[in-house]
Amino acid sequence: FYTSLKEMLRKEPRLQAVSICTPSGLHYRGALEAARAGRHVLSEKPLDITLDHMDRMIEGCDKAGVKLGCIFQKRTTVSSLLAKKALQKKMLGKLLLGDCSQKYYRSPAYYRTADWRGTWKLDGGGALMNQAVHGIDLLLWLMGDVESVFTYSGTLVRKIEVEDTSISVVRFKSGAFGNIIGTTSVVPGQGCRTEIHGERGTIKLLEDGELFCRIGKEVKGVHKHEEVDLHKVLGGKKVAVKTKKGPTVASDNTALELGGHAKQVQDFCEAIKRNRNPMITGPDARRAVELILAIYKSWKTRKEVKLPLK
């Protein structure tokens, strides 16, 4: 092990890539140092906590000719990939609503385990920036960019300087509406739920990988709808959903499943070997943070905030 990234980069000439897992507000420092040394960079979420830091990461990696990727493992599940394919094929028709509810529980002890947690300086925010950023990224990936947002956010339970409870209303550039709920305050944690509603039907994605799709149509003047097995229709491999015994990541951050991370690390290695973009690039990962920063601006100003931020 090393206590200095600079020393590690100097003493390990065979090292081709680094995984940045430092506190969120320090991601850009490690990324820039690695890029200057010619190493590829895979950053944990969020990419960083400010637009300036993220832009410097993206520009620095581009200039150095190295890959920049970011971990958002919710995109790697079979259910998420099938939902994306269904929307690309316009199976729901015109999109009307896109909702993300990520109701988590994080105890007071969780925030005491590291002095950077629950701070503006290094965590960049609370329930949104640290936890709900996953659901927000998934929602943007499925629904497209947001045009404007208005929020009610606050610190209702925890003794931290950032939000533990937030609800926002968004207008997507497509014209669809949506809402985003992010908390670390509910008991017990409820997990992440994403719902996409179109003029023809609905797709629901749950934390445990469950996927539901119902498509409707008019039959002799009567509206009927039926369950659609997207695995059969779109050719995806159906994965049995297992009910996990004991705590889940919704209530315990140490209960995180590692399969999604493994897929992204493998993809990043393949991106390096084949000289292609990784699954989630720097500019792609930037979008979720920009929306969260817009929500924080709305919280501060108590006004609707338009995107992109200037």
C-alpha atoms as a PDB file:
ATOM      1  CA  PHE A   1       0.000   0.000   0.000  1.00  0.00           C
ATOM      2  CA  TYR A   2       0.912   3.643  -0.419  1.00  0.00           C
ATOM      3  CA  THR A   3      -0.141   6.745   1.465  1.00  0.00           C
ATOM      4  CA  SER A   4       0.670   8.956  -1.522  1.00  0.00           C
ATOM      5  CA  LEU A   5      -0.917   8.609  -4.959  1.00  0.00           C
ATOM      6  CA  LYS A   6       2.041  10.400  -6.518  1.00  0.00           C
ATOM      7  CA  GLU A   7       4.437   7.862  -4.991  1.00  0.00           C
ATOM      8  CA  MET A   8       2.322   4.939  -6.154  1.00  0.00           C
ATOM      9  CA  LEU A   9       2.177   6.250  -9.713  1.00  0.00           C
ATOM     10  CA  ARG A  10       5.949   6.727  -9.716  1.00  0.00           C
ATOM     11  CA  LYS A  11       6.839   3.352  -8.202  1.00  0.00           C
ATOM     12  CA  GLU A  12       4.337   1.230 -10.156  1.00  0.00           C
ATOM     13  CA  PRO A  13       5.234   1.723 -13.841  1.00  0.00           C
ATOM     14  CA  ARG A  14       3.037  -1.219 -14.953  1.00  0.00           C
ATOM     15  CA  LEU A  15      -0.044   0.391 -13.428  1.00  0.00           C
ATOM     16  CA  GLN A  16      -2.439   1.326 -16.248  1.00  0.00           C
ATOM     17  CA  ALA A  17      -5.497   2.605 -14.408  1.00  0.00           C
ATOM     18  CA  VAL A  18      -6.654   3.811 -11.000  1.00  0.00           C
ATOM     19  CA  SER A  19      -9.988   3.564  -9.199  1.00  0.00           C
ATOM     20  CA  ILE A  20     -10.806   6.738  -7.271  1.00  0.00           C
ATOM     21  CA  CYS A  21     -12.645   5.916  -4.016  1.00  0.00           C
ATOM     22  CA  THR A  22     -11.709   8.939  -1.915  1.00  0.00           C
ATOM     23  CA  PRO A  23     -14.272  11.357  -0.385  1.00  0.00           C
ATOM     24  CA  SER A  24     -16.417  12.829  -3.160  1.00  0.00           C
ATOM     25  CA  GLY A  25     -14.923  16.329  -3.065  1.00  0.00           C
ATOM     26  CA  LEU A  26     -11.426  14.913  -3.635  1.00  0.00           C
ATOM     27  CA  HIS A  27     -12.148  12.863  -6.755  1.00  0.00           C
ATOM     28  CA  TYR A  28     -10.858  15.526  -9.120  1.00  0.00           C
ATOM     29  CA  ARG A  29      -7.472  15.732  -7.395  1.00  0.00           C
ATOM     30  CA  GLY A  30      -6.733  12.035  -7.762  1.00  0.00           C
ATOM     31  CA  ALA A  31      -8.108  11.982 -11.293  1.00  0.00           C
ATOM     32  CA  LEU A  32      -5.935  14.870 -12.463  1.00  0.00           C
ATOM     33  CA  GLU A  33      -2.815  13.429 -10.843  1.00  0.00           C
ATOM     34  CA  ALA A  34      -3.405  10.040 -12.453  1.00  0.00           C
ATOM     35  CA  ALA A  35      -4.177  11.588 -15.848  1.00  0.00           C
ATOM     36  CA  ARG A  36      -0.992  13.657 -15.803  1.00  0.00           C
ATOM     37  CA  ALA A  37       0.888  10.395 -15.175  1.00  0.00           C
ATOM     38  CA  GLY A  38      -0.825   8.803 -18.188  1.00  0.00           C
ATOM     39  CA  ARG A  39      -3.136   6.492 -16.222  1.00  0.00           C
ATOM     40  CA  HIS A  40      -6.784   5.838 -16.995  1.00  0.00           C
ATOM     41  CA  VAL A  41      -9.319   6.894 -14.344  1.00  0.00           C
ATOM     42  CA  LEU A  42     -12.421   5.120 -13.015  1.00  0.00           C
ATOM     43  CA  SER A  43     -14.120   7.309 -10.412  1.00  0.00           C
ATOM     44  CA  GLU A  44     -16.683   6.326  -7.828  1.00  0.00           C
ATOM     45  CA  LYS A  45     -19.945   8.270  -7.866  1.00  0.00           C
ATOM     46  CA  PRO A  46     -20.462  11.181  -7.907  1.00  0.00           C
ATOM     47  CA  LEU A  47     -17.885  12.196 -10.503  1.00  0.00           C
ATOM     48  CA  ASP A  48     -17.155  15.106  -8.156  1.00  0.00           C
ATOM     49  CA  ILE A  49     -19.277  17.688  -6.325  1.00  0.00           C
ATOM     50  CA  THR A  50     -18.816  20.890  -8.375  1.00  0.00           C
ATOM     51  CA  LEU A  51     -19.112  21.704 -12.064  1.00  0.00           C
ATOM     52  CA  ASP A  52     -15.611  23.177 -12.080  1.00  0.00           C
ATOM     53  CA  HIS A  53     -14.046  20.045 -10.587  1.00  0.00           C
ATOM     54  CA  MET A  54     -15.862  17.768 -13.039  1.00  0.00           C
ATOM     55  CA  ASP A  55     -14.957  19.927 -16.022  1.00  0.00           C
ATOM     56  CA  ARG A  56     -11.314  19.877 -14.956  1.00  0.00           C
ATOM     57  CA  MET A  57     -11.428  16.079 -14.693  1.00  0.00           C
ATOM     58  CA  ILE A  58     -12.970  15.709 -18.142  1.00  0.00           C
ATOM     59  CA  GLU A  59     -10.609  18.201 -19.750  1.00  0.00           C
ATOM     60  CA  GLY A  60      -7.547  16.781 -17.973  1.00  0.00           C
ATOM     61  CA  CYS A  61      -8.255  13.206 -19.056  1.00  0.00           C
ATOM     62  CA  ASP A  62      -9.016  14.303 -22.622  1.00  0.00           C
ATOM     63  CA  LYS A  63      -5.793  16.273 -22.790  1.00  0.00           C
ATOM     64  CA  ALA A  64      -3.781  13.336 -21.441  1.00  0.00           C
ATOM     65  CA  GLY A  65      -5.455  10.900 -23.832  1.00  0.00           C
ATOM     66  CA  VAL A  66      -6.732   8.609 -21.053  1.00  0.00           C
ATOM     67  CA  LYS A  67     -10.163   7.138 -20.355  1.00  0.00           C
ATOM     68  CA  LEU A  68     -12.451   8.621 -17.703  1.00  0.00           C
ATOM     69  CA  GLY A  69     -15.318   6.508 -16.379  1.00  0.00           C
ATOM     70  CA  CYS A  70     -17.686   6.708 -13.411  1.00  0.00           C
ATOM     71  CA  ILE A  71     -19.463   4.076 -11.319  1.00  0.00           C
ATOM     72  CA  PHE A  72     -23.269   4.053 -11.562  1.00  0.00           C
ATOM     73  CA  GLN A  73     -24.000   0.367 -11.129  1.00  0.00           C
ATOM     74  CA  LYS A  74     -27.794   0.642 -11.322  1.00  0.00           C
ATOM     75  CA  ARG A  75     -27.442   0.937 -15.098  1.00  0.00           C
ATOM     76  CA  THR A  76     -25.851  -2.514 -15.327  1.00  0.00           C
ATOM     77  CA  THR A  77     -28.810  -4.611 -14.149  1.00  0.00           C
ATOM     78  CA  VAL A  78     -30.751  -6.725 -16.616  1.00  0.00           C
ATOM     79  CA  SER A  79     -33.923  -4.853 -15.649  1.00  0.00           C
ATOM     80  CA  SER A  80     -32.412  -1.418 -16.307  1.00  0.00           C
ATOM     81  CA  LEU A  81     -31.008  -2.501 -19.668  1.00  0.00           C
ATOM     82  CA  LEU A  82     -34.368  -3.948 -20.738  1.00  0.00           C
ATOM     83  CA  ALA A  83     -36.184  -0.778 -19.658  1.00  0.00           C
ATOM     84  CA  LYS A  84     -33.722   1.306 -21.690  1.00  0.00           C
ATOM     85  CA  LYS A  85     -34.228  -0.883 -24.757  1.00  0.00           C
ATOM     86  CA  ALA A  86     -38.021  -0.722 -24.406  1.00  0.00           C
ATOM     87  CA  LEU A  87     -37.918   3.084 -24.280  1.00  0.00           C
ATOM     88  CA  GLN A  88     -35.567   3.238 -27.264  1.00  0.00           C
ATOM     89  CA  LYS A  89     -38.133   1.174 -29.182  1.00  0.00           C
ATOM     90  CA  LYS A  90     -40.838   3.610 -27.983  1.00  0.00           C
ATOM     91  CA  MET A  91     -42.921   0.795 -26.524  1.00  0.00           C
ATOM     92  CA  LEU A  92     -44.556   3.247 -24.088  1.00  0.00           C
ATOM     93  CA  GLY A  93     -45.193   5.858 -26.765  1.00  0.00           C
ATOM     94  CA  LYS A  94     -44.857   9.498 -25.757  1.00  0.00           C
ATOM     95  CA  LEU A  95     -43.335   9.777 -22.277  1.00  0.00           C
ATOM     96  CA  LEU A  96     -45.463  11.648 -19.732  1.00  0.00           C
ATOM     97  CA  LEU A  97     -43.989  11.064 -16.262  1.00  0.00           C
ATOM     98  CA  GLY A  98     -40.656   9.881 -14.886  1.00  0.00           C
ATOM     99  CA  ASP A  99     -40.375   9.351 -11.128  1.00  0.00           C
ATOM    100  CA  CYS A 100     -37.492   8.322  -8.888  1.00  0.00           C
ATOM    101  CA  SER A 101     -37.976   7.563  -5.198  1.00  0.00           C
ATOM    102  CA  GLN A 102     -34.856   6.604  -3.247  1.00  0.00           C
ATOM    103  CA  LYS A 103     -35.912   6.440   0.395  1.00  0.00           C
ATOM    104  CA  TYR A 104     -32.933   5.308   2.442  1.00  0.00           C
ATOM    105  CA  TYR A 105     -32.071   5.201   6.129  1.00  0.00           C
ATOM    106  CA  ARG A 106     -28.664   6.252   7.431  1.00  0.00           C
ATOM    107  CA  SER A 107     -28.181   6.319  11.186  1.00  0.00           C
ATOM    108  CA  PRO A 108     -26.512   9.076  13.194  1.00  0.00           C
ATOM    109  CA  ALA A 109     -23.654   6.590  13.710  1.00  0.00           C
ATOM    110  CA  TYR A 110     -23.147   6.375   9.936  1.00  0.00           C
ATOM    111  CA  TYR A 111     -22.376  10.084   9.755  1.00  0.00           C
ATOM    112  CA  ARG A 112     -20.005   9.820  12.708  1.00  0.00           C
ATOM    113  CA  THR A 113     -17.893   7.105  11.072  1.00  0.00           C
ATOM    114  CA  ALA A 114     -16.143   9.642   8.818  1.00  0.00           C
ATOM    115  CA  ASP A 115     -15.901  13.378   9.388  1.00  0.00           C
ATOM    116  CA  TRP A 116     -16.374  14.147   5.669  1.00  0.00           C
ATOM    117  CA  ARG A 117     -19.847  12.571   5.557  1.00  0.00           C
ATOM    118  CA  GLY A 118     -22.778  14.939   5.688  1.00  0.00           C
ATOM    119  CA  THR A 119     -20.663  17.994   4.824  1.00  0.00           C
ATOM    120  CA  TRP A 120     -20.827  20.474   1.984  1.00  0.00           C
ATOM    121  CA  LYS A 121     -17.050  20.639   1.657  1.00  0.00           C
ATOM    122  CA  LEU A 122     -16.291  16.979   0.917  1.00  0.00           C
ATOM    123  CA  ASP A 123     -19.619  15.137   0.622  1.00  0.00           C
ATOM    124  CA  GLY A 124     -21.049  17.911  -1.532  1.00  0.00           C
ATOM    125  CA  GLY A 125     -24.492  17.444  -0.017  1.00  0.00           C
ATOM    126  CA  GLY A 126     -26.505  14.776   1.734  1.00  0.00           C
ATOM    127  CA  ALA A 127     -29.186  12.306   0.688  1.00  0.00           C
ATOM    128  CA  LEU A 128     -29.143  13.513  -2.918  1.00  0.00           C
ATOM    129  CA  MET A 129     -25.418  13.780  -3.627  1.00  0.00           C
ATOM    130  CA  ASN A 130     -24.354  10.661  -1.735  1.00  0.00           C
ATOM    131  CA  GLN A 131     -27.269   8.231  -2.061  1.00  0.00           C
ATOM    132  CA  ALA A 132     -29.994   9.357  -4.502  1.00  0.00           C
ATOM    133  CA  VAL A 133     -27.420  10.298  -7.158  1.00  0.00           C
ATOM    134  CA  HIS A 134     -27.754   6.653  -8.270  1.00  0.00           C
ATOM    135  CA  GLY A 135     -31.489   6.884  -8.862  1.00  0.00           C
ATOM    136  CA  ILE A 136     -31.136  10.322 -10.442  1.00  0.00           C
ATOM    137  CA  ASP A 137     -28.546   9.030 -12.901  1.00  0.00           C
ATOM    138  CA  LEU A 138     -30.841   6.123 -13.817  1.00  0.00           C
ATOM    139  CA  LEU A 139     -33.809   8.457 -14.287  1.00  0.00           C
ATOM    140  CA  LEU A 140     -31.836  10.773 -16.583  1.00  0.00           C
ATOM    141  CA  TRP A 141     -30.518   7.802 -18.570  1.00  0.00           C
ATOM    142  CA  LEU A 142     -34.080   6.595 -19.163  1.00  0.00           C
ATOM    143  CA  MET A 143     -35.964   9.904 -19.507  1.00  0.00           C
ATOM    144  CA  GLY A 144     -33.380  12.298 -20.952  1.00  0.00           C
ATOM    145  CA  ASP A 145     -32.217  15.719 -19.779  1.00  0.00           C
ATOM    146  CA  VAL A 146     -34.120  18.009 -17.421  1.00  0.00           C
ATOM    147  CA  GLU A 147     -35.143  21.534 -18.406  1.00  0.00           C
ATOM    148  CA  SER A 148     -36.042  22.891 -14.944  1.00  0.00           C
ATOM    149  CA  VAL A 149     -36.524  21.868 -11.304  1.00  0.00           C
ATOM    150  CA  PHE A 150     -38.167  23.108  -8.106  1.00  0.00           C
ATOM    151  CA  THR A 151     -37.562  21.540  -4.698  1.00  0.00           C
ATOM    152  CA  TYR A 152     -38.492  21.290  -1.056  1.00  0.00           C
ATOM    153  CA  SER A 153     -35.376  20.043   0.729  1.00  0.00           C
ATOM    154  CA  GLY A 154     -34.232  20.203   4.312  1.00  0.00           C
ATOM    155  CA  THR A 155     -32.536  18.669   7.318  1.00  0.00           C
ATOM    156  CA  LEU A 156     -35.462  17.191   9.209  1.00  0.00           C
ATOM    157  CA  VAL A 157     -33.883  14.530  11.447  1.00  0.00           C
ATOM    158  CA  ARG A 158     -30.083  14.219  11.363  1.00  0.00           C
ATOM    159  CA  LYS A 159     -27.672  16.651  12.993  1.00  0.00           C
ATOM    160  CA  ILE A 160     -25.798  17.365   9.759  1.00  0.00           C
ATOM    161  CA  GLU A 161     -25.304  20.510   7.716  1.00  0.00           C
ATOM    162  CA  VAL A 162     -26.771  19.045   4.509  1.00  0.00           C
ATOM    163  CA  GLU A 163     -30.182  17.663   3.554  1.00  0.00           C
ATOM    164  CA  ASP A 164     -31.554  14.361   4.827  1.00  0.00           C
ATOM    165  CA  THR A 165     -34.942  14.723   3.080  1.00  0.00           C
ATOM    166  CA  SER A 166     -35.768  16.117  -0.355  1.00  0.00           C
ATOM    167  CA  ILE A 167     -38.595  16.125  -2.882  1.00  0.00           C
ATOM    168  CA  SER A 168     -38.347  17.844  -6.261  1.00  0.00           C
ATOM    169  CA  VAL A 169     -40.543  18.389  -9.305  1.00  0.00           C
ATOM    170  CA  VAL A 170     -38.841  18.373 -12.689  1.00  0.00           C
ATOM    171  CA  ARG A 171     -39.767  19.208 -16.246  1.00  0.00           C
ATOM    172  CA  PHE A 172     -37.861  17.179 -18.816  1.00  0.00           C
ATOM    173  CA  LYS A 173     -36.730  18.664 -22.110  1.00  0.00           C
ATOM    174  CA  SER A 174     -39.068  16.214 -23.826  1.00  0.00           C
ATOM    175  CA  GLY A 175     -42.010  17.967 -22.147  1.00  0.00           C
ATOM    176  CA  ALA A 176     -42.624  15.153 -19.658  1.00  0.00           C
ATOM    177  CA  PHE A 177     -42.938  15.841 -15.921  1.00  0.00           C
ATOM    178  CA  GLY A 178     -41.392  13.988 -13.015  1.00  0.00           C
ATOM    179  CA  ASN A 179     -40.490  13.948  -9.366  1.00  0.00           C
ATOM    180  CA  ILE A 180     -37.412  12.968  -7.392  1.00  0.00           C
ATOM    181  CA  ILE A 181     -37.468  11.884  -3.751  1.00  0.00           C
ATOM    182  CA  GLY A 182     -34.200  11.354  -1.914  1.00  0.00           C
ATOM    183  CA  THR A 183     -33.873  10.677   1.803  1.00  0.00           C
ATOM    184  CA  THR A 184     -31.686   9.123   4.470  1.00  0.00           C
ATOM    185  CA  SER A 185     -34.337   9.772   7.111  1.00  0.00           C
ATOM    186  CA  VAL A 186     -37.069   7.146   6.685  1.00  0.00           C
ATOM    187  CA  VAL A 187     -37.372   4.086   8.942  1.00  0.00           C
ATOM    188  CA  PRO A 188     -36.832   1.485   7.641  1.00  0.00           C
ATOM    189  CA  GLY A 189     -35.130   2.255   4.325  1.00  0.00           C
ATOM    190  CA  GLN A 190     -37.443   1.585   1.366  1.00  0.00           C
ATOM    191  CA  GLY A 191     -34.923   1.237  -1.440  1.00  0.00           C
ATOM    192  CA  CYS A 192     -34.992   2.783  -4.904  1.00  0.00           C
ATOM    193  CA  ARG A 193     -38.087   2.777  -7.118  1.00  0.00           C
ATOM    194  CA  THR A 194     -38.170   4.164 -10.661  1.00  0.00           C
ATOM    195  CA  GLU A 195     -41.402   4.527 -12.641  1.00  0.00           C
ATOM    196  CA  ILE A 196     -41.699   5.571 -16.273  1.00  0.00           C
ATOM    197  CA  HIS A 197     -45.183   6.353 -17.602  1.00  0.00           C
ATOM    198  CA  GLY A 198     -45.995   6.817 -21.276  1.00  0.00           C
ATOM    199  CA  GLU A 199     -49.194   7.259 -23.245  1.00  0.00           C
ATOM    200  CA  ARG A 200     -49.306   3.494 -23.905  1.00  0.00           C
ATOM    201  CA  GLY A 201     -48.041   1.988 -20.678  1.00  0.00           C
ATOM    202  CA  THR A 202     -45.792   1.897 -17.628  1.00  0.00           C
ATOM    203  CA  ILE A 203     -42.431   0.437 -16.628  1.00  0.00           C
ATOM    204  CA  LYS A 204     -41.474   0.017 -12.957  1.00  0.00           C
ATOM    205  CA  LEU A 205     -37.995  -0.793 -11.645  1.00  0.00           C
ATOM    206  CA  LEU A 206     -37.456  -1.798  -8.018  1.00  0.00           C
ATOM    207  CA  GLU A 207     -34.321  -1.948  -5.851  1.00  0.00           C
ATOM    208  CA  ASP A 208     -34.142  -5.746  -5.855  1.00  0.00           C
ATOM    209  CA  GLY A 209     -34.089  -6.003  -9.661  1.00  0.00           C
ATOM    210  CA  GLU A 210     -37.810  -6.620 -10.161  1.00  0.00           C
ATOM    211  CA  LEU A 211     -39.174  -5.271 -13.442  1.00  0.00           C
ATOM    212  CA  PHE A 212     -42.814  -4.667 -14.310  1.00  0.00           C
ATOM    213  CA  CYS A 213     -44.217  -3.511 -17.643  1.00  0.00           C
ATOM    214  CA  ARG A 214     -47.839  -3.026 -18.632  1.00  0.00           C
ATOM    215  CA  ILE A 215     -48.915  -1.894 -22.085  1.00  0.00           C
ATOM    216  CA  GLY A 216     -52.463  -0.755 -22.883  1.00  0.00           C
ATOM    217  CA  LYS A 217     -54.509  -0.386 -26.040  1.00  0.00           C
ATOM    218  CA  GLU A 218     -58.028   0.507 -27.144  1.00  0.00           C
ATOM    219  CA  VAL A 219     -60.229  -2.469 -28.068  1.00  0.00           C
ATOM    220  CA  LYS A 220     -63.658  -1.504 -29.404  1.00  0.00           C
ATOM    221  CA  GLY A 221     -63.627   1.693 -27.416  1.00  0.00           C
ATOM    222  CA  VAL A 222     -62.500   0.002 -24.196  1.00  0.00           C
ATOM    223  CA  HIS A 223     -59.020   0.594 -22.773  1.00  0.00           C
ATOM    224  CA  LYS A 224     -57.304  -2.643 -21.858  1.00  0.00           C
ATOM    225  CA  HIS A 225     -53.803  -3.263 -20.577  1.00  0.00           C
ATOM    226  CA  GLU A 226     -51.743  -6.384 -20.059  1.00  0.00           C
ATOM    227  CA  GLU A 227     -48.496  -7.465 -18.438  1.00  0.00           C
ATOM    228  CA  VAL A 228     -45.605  -7.600 -20.908  1.00  0.00           C
ATOM    229  CA  ASP A 229     -42.588  -9.831 -20.264  1.00  0.00           C
ATOM    230  CA  LEU A 230     -39.769  -7.650 -21.573  1.00  0.00           C
ATOM    231  CA  HIS A 231     -37.341 -10.555 -21.201  1.00  0.00           C
ATOM    232  CA  LYS A 232     -39.295 -12.482 -23.846  1.00  0.00           C
ATOM    233  CA  VAL A 233     -40.129  -9.532 -26.068  1.00  0.00           C
ATOM    234  CA  LEU A 234     -36.630  -8.046 -26.099  1.00  0.00           C
ATOM    235  CA  GLY A 235     -34.561 -11.192 -25.685  1.00  0.00           C
ATOM    236  CA  GLY A 236     -33.009 -10.508 -22.302  1.00  0.00           C
ATOM    237  CA  LYS A 237     -31.938 -13.300 -19.968  1.00  0.00           C
ATOM    238  CA  LYS A 238     -34.421 -13.527 -17.123  1.00  0.00           C
ATOM    239  CA  VAL A 239     -32.772 -13.424 -13.716  1.00  0.00           C
ATOM    240  CA  ALA A 240     -34.570 -14.824 -10.693  1.00  0.00           C
ATOM    241  CA  VAL A 241     -35.143 -12.116  -8.092  1.00  0.00           C
ATOM    242  CA  LYS A 242     -33.939 -13.271  -4.701  1.00  0.00           C
ATOM    243  CA  THR A 243     -35.337 -11.734  -1.556  1.00  0.00           C
ATOM    244  CA  LYS A 244     -32.302 -10.878   0.512  1.00  0.00           C
ATOM    245  CA  LYS A 245     -32.380 -11.861   4.149  1.00  0.00           C
ATOM    246  CA  GLY A 246     -31.161  -9.294   6.633  1.00  0.00           C
ATOM    247  CA  PRO A 247     -30.392  -5.620   5.978  1.00  0.00           C
ATOM    248  CA  THR A 248     -30.182  -4.165   2.473  1.00  0.00           C
ATOM    249  CA  VAL A 249     -28.257  -1.166   1.211  1.00  0.00           C
ATOM    250  CA  ALA A 250     -31.413   0.906   1.753  1.00  0.00           C
ATOM    251  CA  SER A 251     -30.739   0.725   5.489  1.00  0.00           C
ATOM    252  CA  ASP A 252     -27.099  -0.388   5.697  1.00  0.00           C
ATOM    253  CA  ASN A 253     -24.361   1.011   3.446  1.00  0.00           C
ATOM    254  CA  THR A 254     -22.166  -2.059   4.104  1.00  0.00           C
ATOM    255  CA  ALA A 255     -24.788  -4.381   2.539  1.00  0.00           C
ATOM    256  CA  LEU A 256     -23.988  -3.219  -1.006  1.00  0.00           C
ATOM    257  CA  GLU A 257     -24.127  -5.890  -3.722  1.00  0.00           C
ATOM    258  CA  LEU A 258     -20.887  -5.920  -5.730  1.00  0.00           C
ATOM    259  CA  GLY A 259     -22.086  -7.409  -9.014  1.00  0.00           C
ATOM    260  CA  GLY A 260     -22.754  -4.056 -10.676  1.00  0.00           C
ATOM    261  CA  HIS A 261     -19.331  -2.723  -9.731  1.00  0.00           C
ATOM    262  CA  ALA A 262     -17.689  -5.852 -11.139  1.00  0.00           C
ATOM    263  CA  LYS A 263     -19.479  -5.349 -14.475  1.00  0.00           C
ATOM    264  CA  GLN A 264     -18.305  -1.746 -14.710  1.00  0.00           C
ATOM    265  CA  VAL A 265     -14.719  -2.579 -13.798  1.00  0.00           C
ATOM    266  CA  GLN A 266     -14.716  -5.299 -16.473  1.00  0.00           C
ATOM    267  CA  ASP A 267     -16.221  -2.877 -18.987  1.00  0.00           C
ATOM    268  CA  PHE A 268     -13.561  -0.278 -18.124  1.00  0.00           C
ATOM    269  CA  CYS A 269     -10.785  -2.823 -18.720  1.00  0.00           C
ATOM    270  CA  GLU A 270     -12.325  -3.704 -22.089  1.00  0.00           C
ATOM    271  CA  ALA A 271     -12.609  -0.003 -22.968  1.00  0.00           C
ATOM    272  CA  ILE A 272      -8.864   0.398 -22.376  1.00  0.00           C
ATOM    273  CA  LYS A 273      -7.940  -2.723 -24.354  1.00  0.00           C
ATOM    274  CA  ARG A 274     -10.238  -1.910 -27.295  1.00  0.00           C
ATOM    275  CA  ASN A 275      -9.679   1.854 -27.177  1.00  0.00           C
ATOM    276  CA  ARG A 276     -13.376   2.713 -26.857  1.00  0.00           C
ATOM    277  CA  ASN A 277     -15.418   4.762 -24.419  1.00  0.00           C
ATOM    278  CA  PRO A 278     -16.352   3.125 -21.105  1.00  0.00           C
ATOM    279  CA  MET A 279     -19.985   2.373 -20.295  1.00  0.00           C
ATOM    280  CA  ILE A 280     -20.401   5.686 -18.448  1.00  0.00           C
ATOM    281  CA  THR A 281     -18.120   8.532 -19.501  1.00  0.00           C
ATOM    282  CA  GLY A 282     -17.191  11.666 -17.592  1.00  0.00           C
ATOM    283  CA  PRO A 283     -19.633  13.955 -19.460  1.00  0.00           C
ATOM    284  CA  ASP A 284     -22.398  11.381 -19.001  1.00  0.00           C
ATOM    285  CA  ALA A 285     -21.765  11.125 -15.238  1.00  0.00           C
ATOM    286  CA  ARG A 286     -21.681  14.924 -14.954  1.00  0.00           C
ATOM    287  CA  ARG A 287     -25.413  15.209 -15.726  1.00  0.00           C
ATOM    288  CA  ALA A 288     -26.675  13.759 -12.436  1.00  0.00           C
ATOM    289  CA  VAL A 289     -24.459  16.064 -10.375  1.00  0.00           C
ATOM    290  CA  GLU A 290     -25.533  19.123 -12.370  1.00  0.00           C
ATOM    291  CA  LEU A 291     -29.184  18.305 -11.663  1.00  0.00           C
ATOM    292  CA  ILE A 292     -28.449  17.860  -7.940  1.00  0.00           C
ATOM    293  CA  LEU A 293     -26.639  21.220  -7.887  1.00  0.00           C
ATOM    294  CA  ALA A 294     -29.702  22.764  -9.563  1.00  0.00           C
ATOM    295  CA  ILE A 295     -31.886  21.248  -6.822  1.00  0.00           C
ATOM    296  CA  TYR A 296     -29.617  22.769  -4.165  1.00  0.00           C
ATOM    297  CA  LYS A 297     -29.859  26.134  -5.911  1.00  0.00           C
ATOM    298  CA  SER A 298     -33.655  25.864  -5.891  1.00  0.00           C
ATOM    299  CA  TRP A 299     -33.538  24.981  -2.180  1.00  0.00           C
ATOM    300  CA  LYS A 300     -31.444  28.069  -1.487  1.00  0.00           C
ATOM    301  CA  THR A 301     -33.400  30.500  -3.668  1.00  0.00           C
ATOM    302  CA  ARG A 302     -36.858  28.903  -3.254  1.00  0.00           C
ATOM    303  CA  LYS A 303     -37.309  29.318  -6.982  1.00  0.00           C
ATOM    304  CA  GLU A 304     -37.543  27.142 -10.068  1.00  0.00           C
ATOM    305  CA  VAL A 305     -34.076  26.647 -11.555  1.00  0.00           C
ATOM    306  CA  LYS A 306     -33.408  26.111 -15.243  1.00  0.00           C
ATOM    307  CA  LEU A 307     -30.723  23.875 -16.711  1.00  0.00           C
ATOM    308  CA  PRO A 308     -28.015  23.816 -17.858  1.00  0.00           C
ATOM    309  CA  LEU A 309     -26.464  25.717 -14.971  1.00  0.00           C
ATOM    310  CA  LYS A 310     -24.158  28.594 -15.828  1.00  0.00           C
END
